[in-house]
C-alpha atoms as a PDB file:
ATOM      1  CA  ALA A   1     -21.051   5.773  -1.102  1.00  0.00           C
ATOM      2  CA  GLY A   2     -19.612   8.223   1.422  1.00  0.00           C
ATOM      3  CA  SER A   3     -22.435   7.542   3.890  1.00  0.00           C
ATOM      4  CA  LYS A   4     -21.716   3.786   3.735  1.00  0.00           C
ATOM      5  CA  LEU A   5     -18.033   4.405   4.425  1.00  0.00           C
ATOM      6  CA  ARG A   6     -18.940   6.479   7.492  1.00  0.00           C
ATOM      7  CA  GLU A   7     -21.045   3.596   8.797  1.00  0.00           C
ATOM      8  CA  VAL A   8     -18.119   1.186   8.398  1.00  0.00           C
ATOM      9  CA  PHE A   9     -15.726   3.629  10.071  1.00  0.00           C
ATOM     10  CA  ASP A  10     -18.078   4.289  13.003  1.00  0.00           C
ATOM     11  CA  LYS A  11     -18.638   0.579  13.585  1.00  0.00           C
ATOM     12  CA  ILE A  12     -14.880  -0.159  13.701  1.00  0.00           C
ATOM     13  CA  ASN A  13     -14.173   2.890  15.847  1.00  0.00           C
ATOM     14  CA  ASN A  14     -16.965   1.989  18.294  1.00  0.00           C
ATOM     15  CA  LEU A  15     -15.663  -1.561  18.592  1.00  0.00           C
ATOM     16  CA  LEU A  16     -12.097  -0.371  19.294  1.00  0.00           C
ATOM     17  CA  SER A  17     -13.414   2.220  21.766  1.00  0.00           C
ATOM     18  CA  GLY A  18     -14.995  -0.515  23.909  1.00  0.00           C
ATOM     19  CA  LYS A  19     -18.606   0.064  22.861  1.00  0.00           C
ATOM     20  CA  ALA A  20     -20.939  -2.848  22.081  1.00  0.00           C
ATOM     21  CA  VAL A  21     -21.351  -3.385  18.337  1.00  0.00           C
ATOM     22  CA  GLN A  22     -24.098  -5.417  16.644  1.00  0.00           C
ATOM     23  CA  THR A  23     -22.802  -8.110  14.307  1.00  0.00           C
ATOM     24  CA  GLU A  24     -24.664 -11.144  12.973  1.00  0.00           C
ATOM     25  CA  GLY A  25     -27.509 -10.567  15.377  1.00  0.00           C
ATOM     26  CA  GLN A  26     -25.480 -10.291  18.565  1.00  0.00           C
ATOM     27  CA  ALA A  27     -23.736  -7.562  20.535  1.00  0.00           C
ATOM     28  CA  VAL A  28     -19.953  -7.861  20.656  1.00  0.00           C
ATOM     29  CA  SER A  29     -17.545  -5.861  22.813  1.00  0.00           C
ATOM     30  CA  VAL A  30     -13.766  -5.997  23.250  1.00  0.00           C
ATOM     31  CA  THR A  31     -14.328  -5.772  27.013  1.00  0.00           C
ATOM     32  CA  GLN A  32     -15.710  -9.329  27.026  1.00  0.00           C
ATOM     33  CA  HIS A  33     -12.181 -10.762  27.276  1.00  0.00           C
ATOM     34  CA  PRO A  34      -8.971  -9.407  28.905  1.00  0.00           C
ATOM     35  CA  GLN A  35      -7.107  -9.732  25.569  1.00  0.00           C
ATOM     36  CA  GLY A  36     -10.157  -8.784  23.492  1.00  0.00           C
ATOM     37  CA  LEU A  37      -8.815  -5.417  22.338  1.00  0.00           C
ATOM     38  CA  GLU A  38      -5.367  -6.778  21.397  1.00  0.00           C
ATOM     39  CA  PHE A  39      -7.023  -9.610  19.452  1.00  0.00           C
ATOM     40  CA  VAL A  40      -9.221  -7.155  17.523  1.00  0.00           C
ATOM     41  CA  TYR A  41      -6.240  -4.877  16.784  1.00  0.00           C
ATOM     42  CA  TYR A  42      -4.387  -7.863  15.335  1.00  0.00           C
ATOM     43  CA  LYS A  43      -7.271  -9.267  13.262  1.00  0.00           C
ATOM     44  CA  LEU A  44      -8.336  -5.851  11.977  1.00  0.00           C
ATOM     45  CA  ALA A  45      -4.811  -4.950  10.814  1.00  0.00           C
ATOM     46  CA  GLU A  46      -4.503  -8.366   9.154  1.00  0.00           C
ATOM     47  CA  LYS A  47      -7.853  -7.831   7.405  1.00  0.00           C
ATOM     48  CA  PHE A  48      -6.758  -4.477   5.945  1.00  0.00           C
ATOM     49  CA  VAL A  49      -3.649  -6.123   4.443  1.00  0.00           C
ATOM     50  CA  LYS A  50      -5.828  -8.915   3.011  1.00  0.00           C
ATOM     51  CA  HIS A  51      -7.998  -6.242   1.373  1.00  0.00           C
ATOM     52  CA  GLY A  52      -4.824  -4.928  -0.275  1.00  0.00           C
ATOM     53  CA  GLU A  53      -3.697  -8.260  -1.687  1.00  0.00           C
ATOM     54  CA  GLY A  54      -7.233  -9.295  -2.649  1.00  0.00           C
ATOM     55  CA  GLU A  55      -9.734  -6.525  -3.297  1.00  0.00           C
ATOM     56  CA  VAL A  56      -7.258  -3.829  -4.428  1.00  0.00           C
ATOM     57  CA  SER A  57      -5.296  -6.210  -6.669  1.00  0.00           C
ATOM     58  CA  PHE A  58      -8.480  -6.851  -8.689  1.00  0.00           C
ATOM     59  CA  HIS A  59     -10.266  -3.486  -8.287  1.00  0.00           C
ATOM     60  CA  ARG A  60      -7.528  -0.866  -8.187  1.00  0.00           C
ATOM     61  CA  ASP A  61      -9.837   2.051  -7.363  1.00  0.00           C
ATOM     62  CA  SER A  62     -10.894   0.339  -4.115  1.00  0.00           C
ATOM     63  CA  ALA A  63      -7.510   1.316  -2.607  1.00  0.00           C
ATOM     64  CA  PHE A  64      -8.909   4.769  -1.765  1.00  0.00           C
ATOM     65  CA  PRO A  65     -12.036   3.945   0.298  1.00  0.00           C
ATOM     66  CA  ILE A  66     -10.151   1.206   2.169  1.00  0.00           C
ATOM     67  CA  ALA A  67      -7.151   3.489   2.770  1.00  0.00           C
ATOM     68  CA  VAL A  68      -9.189   6.466   4.013  1.00  0.00           C
ATOM     69  CA  VAL A  69     -10.939   4.310   6.631  1.00  0.00           C
ATOM     70  CA  LEU A  70      -7.623   2.791   7.780  1.00  0.00           C
ATOM     71  CA  SER A  71      -5.991   6.234   7.895  1.00  0.00           C
ATOM     72  CA  GLY A  72      -8.745   7.535  10.201  1.00  0.00           C
ATOM     73  CA  ILE A  73      -8.661   4.453  12.439  1.00  0.00           C
ATOM     74  CA  TRP A  74      -4.835   4.678  12.585  1.00  0.00           C
ATOM     75  CA  GLU A  75      -5.109   8.278  13.768  1.00  0.00           C
ATOM     76  CA  LEU A  76      -7.456   7.369  16.651  1.00  0.00           C
ATOM     77  CA  HIS A  77      -5.958   3.945  17.439  1.00  0.00           C
ATOM     78  CA  PRO A  78      -2.207   4.044  16.625  1.00  0.00           C
ATOM     79  CA  ARG A  79      -1.739   0.394  17.624  1.00  0.00           C
ATOM     80  CA  VAL A  80      -3.766  -0.662  14.552  1.00  0.00           C
ATOM     81  CA  GLY A  81      -1.303   1.202  12.309  1.00  0.00           C
ATOM     82  CA  ASP A  82       1.739  -0.410  13.946  1.00  0.00           C
ATOM     83  CA  ILE A  83       0.303  -3.904  13.532  1.00  0.00           C
ATOM     84  CA  PHE A  84      -0.889  -3.132   9.992  1.00  0.00           C
ATOM     85  CA  LEU A  85       2.700  -2.233   9.002  1.00  0.00           C
ATOM     86  CA  ALA A  86       4.009  -5.431  10.602  1.00  0.00           C
ATOM     87  CA  HIS A  87       1.514  -7.558   8.632  1.00  0.00           C
ATOM     88  CA  LEU A  88       2.190  -5.577   5.442  1.00  0.00           C
ATOM     89  CA  HIS A  89       5.976  -5.914   5.697  1.00  0.00           C
ATOM     90  CA  LYS A  90       5.737  -9.648   6.327  1.00  0.00           C
ATOM     91  CA  LYS A  91       3.410 -10.232   3.368  1.00  0.00           C
ATOM     92  CA  CYS A  92       5.103  -7.694   1.081  1.00  0.00           C
ATOM     93  CA  PRO A  93       8.753  -6.949   2.018  1.00  0.00           C
ATOM     94  CA  TYR A  94       8.849  -4.509  -0.931  1.00  0.00           C
ATOM     95  CA  ALA A  95       6.668  -2.151   1.135  1.00  0.00           C
ATOM     96  CA  VAL A  96       9.670  -1.639   3.490  1.00  0.00           C
ATOM     97  CA  PRO A  97      11.304  -1.617   0.804  1.00  0.00           C
ATOM     98  CA  PHE A  98      13.542  -4.639   1.289  1.00  0.00           C
ATOM     99  CA  TYR A  99      14.689  -7.510  -0.907  1.00  0.00           C
ATOM    100  CA  PRO A 100      15.503 -10.387   1.456  1.00  0.00           C
ATOM    101  CA  ALA A 101      18.729 -12.244   0.713  1.00  0.00           C
ATOM    102  CA  ARG A 102      18.837 -16.026   0.979  1.00  0.00           C
ATOM    103  CA  LYS A 103      20.842 -17.037   4.019  1.00  0.00           C
ATOM    104  CA  GLU A 104      22.842 -20.217   4.353  1.00  0.00           C
ATOM    105  CA  GLY A 105      20.671 -23.076   5.560  1.00  0.00           C
ATOM    106  CA  THR A 106      17.412 -21.465   4.357  1.00  0.00           C
ATOM    107  CA  SER A 107      15.390 -23.830   2.165  1.00  0.00           C
ATOM    108  CA  MET A 108      14.216 -22.595  -1.244  1.00  0.00           C
ATOM    109  CA  GLU A 109      10.607 -22.909  -0.070  1.00  0.00           C
ATOM    110  CA  GLU A 110      11.258 -20.788   3.024  1.00  0.00           C
ATOM    111  CA  TYR A 111      13.164 -18.219   0.959  1.00  0.00           C
ATOM    112  CA  GLN A 112      10.268 -17.902  -1.514  1.00  0.00           C
ATOM    113  CA  ARG A 113       7.939 -17.246   1.411  1.00  0.00           C
ATOM    114  CA  MET A 114      10.324 -14.516   2.631  1.00  0.00           C
ATOM    115  CA  LEU A 115      10.066 -12.912  -0.829  1.00  0.00           C
ATOM    116  CA  GLY A 116       6.281 -12.805  -0.443  1.00  0.00           C
ATOM    117  CA  TYR A 117       5.314 -15.825  -2.546  1.00  0.00           C
ATOM    118  CA  GLU A 118       2.509 -18.107  -1.366  1.00  0.00           C
ATOM    119  CA  VAL A 119       3.718 -21.705  -1.098  1.00  0.00           C
ATOM    120  CA  HIS A 120       1.233 -24.542  -0.576  1.00  0.00           C
ATOM    121  CA  ASP A 121       2.342 -28.206  -0.491  1.00  0.00           C
ATOM    122  CA  SER A 122       5.720 -27.190  -1.945  1.00  0.00           C
ATOM    123  CA  LYS A 123       3.931 -25.538  -4.895  1.00  0.00           C
ATOM    124  CA  VAL A 124       4.777 -21.870  -5.489  1.00  0.00           C
ATOM    125  CA  GLU A 125       2.103 -19.503  -6.801  1.00  0.00           C
ATOM    126  CA  GLU A 126       2.367 -18.315 -10.382  1.00  0.00           C
ATOM    127  CA  GLN A 127       4.349 -15.142 -11.055  1.00  0.00           C
ATOM    128  CA  ASP A 128       1.335 -13.238 -12.427  1.00  0.00           C
ATOM    129  CA  HIS A 129      -0.696 -13.937  -9.289  1.00  0.00           C
ATOM    130  CA  PHE A 130       2.245 -12.980  -7.064  1.00  0.00           C
ATOM    131  CA  LEU A 131       2.775  -9.680  -8.902  1.00  0.00           C
ATOM    132  CA  LYS A 132      -0.932  -8.862  -8.714  1.00  0.00           C
ATOM    133  CA  ARG A 133      -0.972  -9.314  -4.922  1.00  0.00           C
ATOM    134  CA  MET A 134       2.187  -7.223  -4.414  1.00  0.00           C
ATOM    135  CA  SER A 135       0.712  -4.526  -6.666  1.00  0.00           C
ATOM    136  CA  GLY A 136      -2.500  -4.406  -4.591  1.00  0.00           C
ATOM    137  CA  MET A 137      -0.599  -4.002  -1.322  1.00  0.00           C
ATOM    138  CA  ILE A 138       1.698  -1.267  -2.655  1.00  0.00           C
ATOM    139  CA  ARG A 139      -1.256   0.629  -4.124  1.00  0.00           C
ATOM    140  CA  LEU A 140      -3.060   0.457  -0.776  1.00  0.00           C
ATOM    141  CA  TYR A 141       0.069   1.722   1.019  1.00  0.00           C
ATOM    142  CA  ALA A 142       0.496   4.558  -1.518  1.00  0.00           C
ATOM    143  CA  ALA A 143      -3.137   5.569  -0.957  1.00  0.00           C
ATOM    144  CA  ILE A 144      -2.860   5.511   2.862  1.00  0.00           C
ATOM    145  CA  ILE A 145       0.087   7.917   3.080  1.00  0.00           C
ATOM    146  CA  GLN A 146      -1.803  10.698   1.246  1.00  0.00           C
ATOM    147  CA  LEU A 147      -5.321  10.340   2.708  1.00  0.00           C
ATOM    148  CA  ARG A 148      -6.914  11.557   5.927  1.00  0.00           C
ATOM    149  CA  TRP A 149     -10.321  10.716   7.323  1.00  0.00           C
ATOM    150  CA  PRO A 150     -12.329  13.888   6.480  1.00  0.00           C
ATOM    151  CA  TYR A 151     -14.310  13.865   9.744  1.00  0.00           C
ATOM    152  CA  GLY A 152     -11.321  13.710  12.105  1.00  0.00           C
ATOM    153  CA  ASN A 153     -10.104  16.751  14.045  1.00  0.00           C
ATOM    154  CA  LYS A 154      -6.805  16.803  12.062  1.00  0.00           C
ATOM    155  CA  GLN A 155      -5.024  18.595  14.908  1.00  0.00           C
ATOM    156  CA  GLY A 156      -1.876  16.479  14.707  1.00  0.00           C
ATOM    157  CA  ALA A 157       0.153  15.287  11.743  1.00  0.00           C
ATOM    158  CA  HIS A 158      -0.924  12.343   9.597  1.00  0.00           C
ATOM    159  CA  PRO A 159       0.144   9.221  11.534  1.00  0.00           C
ATOM    160  CA  HIS A 160       2.001   7.858   8.486  1.00  0.00           C
ATOM    161  CA  GLY A 161       2.046  10.633   5.917  1.00  0.00           C
ATOM    162  CA  LEU A 162       3.773  11.543   2.663  1.00  0.00           C
ATOM    163  CA  SER A 163       7.238  11.810   4.228  1.00  0.00           C
ATOM    164  CA  TYR A 164       7.129   8.005   4.541  1.00  0.00           C
ATOM    165  CA  GLY A 165       6.304   7.775   0.835  1.00  0.00           C
ATOM    166  CA  TRP A 166       9.207  10.058  -0.031  1.00  0.00           C
ATOM    167  CA  ARG A 167      11.494   7.872   2.080  1.00  0.00           C
ATOM    168  CA  TRP A 168      10.126   4.708   0.429  1.00  0.00           C
ATOM    169  CA  LEU A 169      10.846   6.109  -3.034  1.00  0.00           C
ATOM    170  CA  ALA A 170      14.390   7.176  -2.093  1.00  0.00           C
ATOM    171  CA  GLN A 171      15.173   3.786  -0.527  1.00  0.00           C
ATOM    172  CA  MET A 172      13.670   1.957  -3.498  1.00  0.00           C
ATOM    173  CA  LEU A 173      15.953   3.837  -5.893  1.00  0.00           C
ATOM    174  CA  ASN A 174      18.970   2.906  -3.755  1.00  0.00           C
ATOM    175  CA  LEU A 175      18.271  -0.817  -4.206  1.00  0.00           C
ATOM    176  CA  GLU A 176      19.500  -2.867  -7.128  1.00  0.00           C
ATOM    177  CA  PRO A 177      16.404  -3.465  -9.296  1.00  0.00           C
ATOM    178  CA  LEU A 178      14.738  -6.850  -9.686  1.00  0.00           C
ATOM    179  CA  ALA A 179      13.247  -8.004 -12.986  1.00  0.00           C
ATOM    180  CA  ASP A 180       9.443  -7.736 -13.096  1.00  0.00           C
ATOM    181  CA  VAL A 181       8.979  -6.576  -9.507  1.00  0.00           C
ATOM    182  CA  THR A 182      10.773  -3.198  -9.401  1.00  0.00           C
ATOM    183  CA  ALA A 183       9.168  -1.690 -12.520  1.00  0.00           C
ATOM    184  CA  MET A 184       5.691  -2.736 -11.388  1.00  0.00           C
ATOM    185  CA  LEU A 185       6.093  -1.385  -7.851  1.00  0.00           C
ATOM    186  CA  LEU A 186       7.472   1.966  -9.006  1.00  0.00           C
ATOM    187  CA  LEU A 187       4.683   2.396 -11.559  1.00  0.00           C
ATOM    188  CA  ASP A 188       1.974   1.501  -9.018  1.00  0.00           C
ATOM    189  CA  PHE A 189       3.436   3.832  -6.422  1.00  0.00           C
ATOM    190  CA  LEU A 190       3.867   6.802  -8.788  1.00  0.00           C
ATOM    191  CA  GLU A 191       0.407   6.351 -10.323  1.00  0.00           C
ATOM    192  CA  VAL A 192      -1.272   6.373  -6.912  1.00  0.00           C
ATOM    193  CA  CYS A 193       0.633   9.055  -5.000  1.00  0.00           C
ATOM    194  CA  GLY A 194       2.825  10.835  -7.563  1.00  0.00           C
ATOM    195  CA  SER A 195       0.438  13.816  -7.761  1.00  0.00           C
ATOM    196  CA  ALA A 196       0.417  14.150  -3.946  1.00  0.00           C
ATOM    197  CA  LEU A 197       4.224  13.920  -3.795  1.00  0.00           C
ATOM    198  CA  VAL A 198       4.740  16.582  -6.453  1.00  0.00           C
ATOM    199  CA  LYS A 199       2.470  18.957  -4.512  1.00  0.00           C
ATOM    200  CA  GLN A 200       4.521  18.388  -1.371  1.00  0.00           C
ATOM    201  CA  TYR A 201       8.066  18.182  -2.755  1.00  0.00           C
ATOM    202  CA  GLY A 202       7.935  20.167  -6.016  1.00  0.00           C
ATOM    203  CA  ILE A 203      11.318  20.497  -7.718  1.00  0.00           C
ATOM    204  CA  GLN A 204      12.868  17.729  -5.585  1.00  0.00           C
ATOM    205  CA  PHE A 205      10.261  15.317  -6.893  1.00  0.00           C
ATOM    206  CA  TRP A 206      10.915  16.298 -10.512  1.00  0.00           C
ATOM    207  CA  LYS A 207      14.646  15.733  -9.972  1.00  0.00           C
ATOM    208  CA  THR A 208      13.796  12.235  -8.738  1.00  0.00           C
ATOM    209  CA  MET A 209      11.619  11.573 -11.804  1.00  0.00           C
ATOM    210  CA  PHE A 210      14.480  12.721 -14.048  1.00  0.00           C
ATOM    211  CA  PHE A 211      16.840  10.369 -12.179  1.00  0.00           C
ATOM    212  CA  ILE A 212      14.389   7.483 -12.705  1.00  0.00           C
ATOM    213  CA  GLN A 213      14.259   8.218 -16.430  1.00  0.00           C
ATOM    214  CA  LYS A 214      17.975   8.744 -17.046  1.00  0.00           C
ATOM    215  CA  SER A 215      19.632   6.390 -14.566  1.00  0.00           C
ATOM    216  CA  TYR A 216      17.269   3.940 -12.925  1.00  0.00           C
ATOM    217  CA  ILE A 217      15.174   2.712 -15.872  1.00  0.00           C
ATOM    218  CA  PRO A 218      18.348   1.664 -17.785  1.00  0.00           C
ATOM    219  CA  ARG A 219      19.367  -0.346 -14.680  1.00  0.00           C
ATOM    220  CA  ILE A 220      15.981  -2.088 -14.663  1.00  0.00           C
ATOM    221  CA  GLU A 221      16.377  -2.766 -18.404  1.00  0.00           C
ATOM    222  CA  ALA A 222      19.728  -4.417 -17.767  1.00  0.00           C
ATOM    223  CA  VAL A 223      18.128  -7.106 -15.563  1.00  0.00           C
ATOM    224  CA  THR A 224      14.919  -7.550 -17.584  1.00  0.00           C
ATOM    225  CA  SER A 225      14.514 -10.289 -20.190  1.00  0.00           C
ATOM    226  CA  ALA A 226      12.553  -9.850 -23.420  1.00  0.00           C
ATOM    227  CA  GLY A 227       9.487 -11.608 -22.001  1.00  0.00           C
ATOM    228  CA  GLN A 228       9.272  -9.306 -18.966  1.00  0.00           C
ATOM    229  CA  MET A 229       9.186  -5.938 -20.726  1.00  0.00           C
ATOM    230  CA  GLY A 230       5.452  -5.148 -20.328  1.00  0.00           C
ATOM    231  CA  CYS A 231       5.540  -3.327 -17.021  1.00  0.00           C
ATOM    232  CA  LEU A 232       8.874  -1.669 -17.754  1.00  0.00           C
ATOM    233  CA  SER A 233       7.461  -0.221 -21.000  1.00  0.00           C
ATOM    234  CA  ARG A 234       4.472   1.190 -19.088  1.00  0.00           C
ATOM    235  CA  LEU A 235       6.778   2.725 -16.455  1.00  0.00           C
ATOM    236  CA  LYS A 236       8.944   4.317 -19.170  1.00  0.00           C
ATOM    237  CA  SER A 237       6.001   5.897 -20.972  1.00  0.00           C
ATOM    238  CA  PHE A 238       4.406   7.079 -17.695  1.00  0.00           C
ATOM    239  CA  VAL A 239       7.611   8.819 -16.535  1.00  0.00           C
ATOM    240  CA  GLN A 240       8.266  10.273 -20.001  1.00  0.00           C
ATOM    241  CA  LYS A 241       4.718  11.651 -20.287  1.00  0.00           C
ATOM    242  CA  CYS A 242       4.841  13.209 -16.801  1.00  0.00           C
ATOM    243  CA  LEU A 243       8.189  14.890 -17.507  1.00  0.00           C
ATOM    244  CA  GLN A 244       7.005  16.169 -20.884  1.00  0.00           C
ATOM    245  CA  GLU A 245       3.757  17.592 -19.497  1.00  0.00           C
ATOM    246  CA  LYS A 246       5.336  18.670 -16.176  1.00  0.00           C
ATOM    247  CA  GLU A 247       2.342  17.176 -14.443  1.00  0.00           C
ATOM    248  CA  ILE A 248       1.388  13.958 -12.665  1.00  0.00           C
ATOM    249  CA  PRO A 249      -2.248  13.012 -13.317  1.00  0.00           C
ATOM    250  CA  LEU A 250      -4.590  12.501 -10.374  1.00  0.00           C
ATOM    251  CA  PRO A 251      -5.018   8.779  -9.740  1.00  0.00           C
ATOM    252  CA  LYS A 252      -8.157   7.046 -10.967  1.00  0.00           C
ATOM    253  CA  GLY A 253     -10.626   6.481  -8.153  1.00  0.00           C
ATOM    254  CA  ILE A 254      -9.393   9.301  -5.880  1.00  0.00           C
ATOM    255  CA  LEU A 255     -12.165  10.374  -3.483  1.00  0.00           C
ATOM    256  CA  THR A 256     -13.485  13.830  -4.404  1.00  0.00           C
ATOM    257  CA  PRO A 257     -15.425  16.135  -2.011  1.00  0.00           C
ATOM    258  CA  SER A 258     -18.650  15.206  -3.845  1.00  0.00           C
ATOM    259  CA  PHE A 259     -18.107  11.533  -2.914  1.00  0.00           C
ATOM    260  CA  TRP A 260     -18.739  12.362   0.742  1.00  0.00           C
ATOM    261  CA  ARG A 261     -22.170  13.768  -0.131  1.00  0.00           C
ATOM    262  CA  THR A 262     -23.315  10.384  -1.480  1.00  0.00           C
END
């Protein structure tokens, strides 16, 4: 509910503003320790990324309420946004976007961690689980760049708005595609913020979609094996449908004005 989200936002904002906040029956304030505020910035940013790889990966629509709170906090407390991006880029280099290359002397285990895989006791997580986590984080990022906290003063620009999404898309299409990963990330990103990008960039966006269809999808196909076609097929049909209908559908779960009256 919108009212519940406001409560969450106010509690976080009060904590970061140095006010005492009630939690688990006791009052907590960042002024209780010289590094209290820095610690809370760090843990809060880390928590938002964990919501992306956990909550959003399983419940896709949850990207929007989480993102709108983070967007508002980022606006009032820019340090949270900086640290959020640092955590996000470490956990999901594809949010940069960046495909790390394996350097000489780097162990396979260390390299897999650089690619975003979880490695425990030399055991690497399964590909499906890895893709799900990356998908959740990209969807959260794609939601953040288009949303603003509706109760802010909105005097300045969005602290990390759609221009960053446009840049992400352009950089992504300049990278050589990876099997599995690239198709999924592009589909997630376009599903979540394609409609916002087309509003902002119009004909330039449609040119990019045409480029994806004619040039980039064949490049993804070239590196994709028969068993990895699922996500690529969904990307192809999504792009084709959007170009045919000259419209990008609004993402499922987007917060409507009526949501804030709940």
